[in-house]
């Protein structure tokens, strides 16, 4: 009682600068001057939970030597976790029409094994890695000897907890192609009415793990055939972005692909990558034939269903 309302909560330029520096050091995310309202709005609930009257007191809490747990909760509150199933449909078209057929062909020619490793870096609440897992389970089934595993990481423990459960509101099913929805999602009943759950065999393909992309070295076991880091780097400043791209590329397999958000352009950030099409990059030694690039531009049933 007696605490500030969201409208009353304010932050001085000097204090905002302290939060700005702290968030940047911890995550590589740069909060621009226009983010003062976001800071106040997102941290209001934390102040109420802790019974703190001002953001000055809250900053003392998160910057104290024993404040690491609350610092993690602050990062959770400030990071944006917008996602959905089969987001960026053209990238799923590319995987289904170009990448997967290439893997199958190379396997048939004994030029690669049936081992596939994917990394979803910035997986949020799990829709992205589950979408990839469903697609690969359909086209590269374990029954045919394929060994497909996904690593899904995020800086937010809150969304990782939701992702591990694999339970979502049924209204999100509209973004999932109907054949994949029938094969890999379970519809809830009774107390779970209005929800759906990812099948266990799909969940078992994915390891969800906390990882901060601004802190090295990355505790991941590469190399990866595909890395997705979509709509994450847009929150980094130029130096952090260049460093992050270099680290991601270092975990990419020869002939591998890096998929980013459509608002992100990596052309000037790494000489080891070349653009296949907007938001899709390959290692310079990937050697993708022009015929495959042309095929990737065609629409597919998967892309149409996910829109």
Foldseek 3Di string as FASTA:
>chain_A
DPADDLVPAFDDPVRVVVVQVVCCVQFLFGDDPVCRSVLSVLCVVVCVVVVHRHVVVVSCQCPDPPNVVVVLVSNQSNDDQDDAACPPVLVVLLCLQFVLVVVVVCVVVVNDPLEAEEEEEACFLARYLLNVLLSCCVSSNVVVVHHAAYEYEHSHPVSLVNNLFQKDFPVRCQLFFPVSCVVFKAADDDVRHRMIGGDPVSSVRYDYDYDRLQDDDTPDDAQHQEYEDEPPLVRHPPVSSLVSVVNNVVNHDQLHKYFYYQVDDCPPRDPQWDDLDRRIITGPRNPRDPVSSVRSVDDDSRSVSND
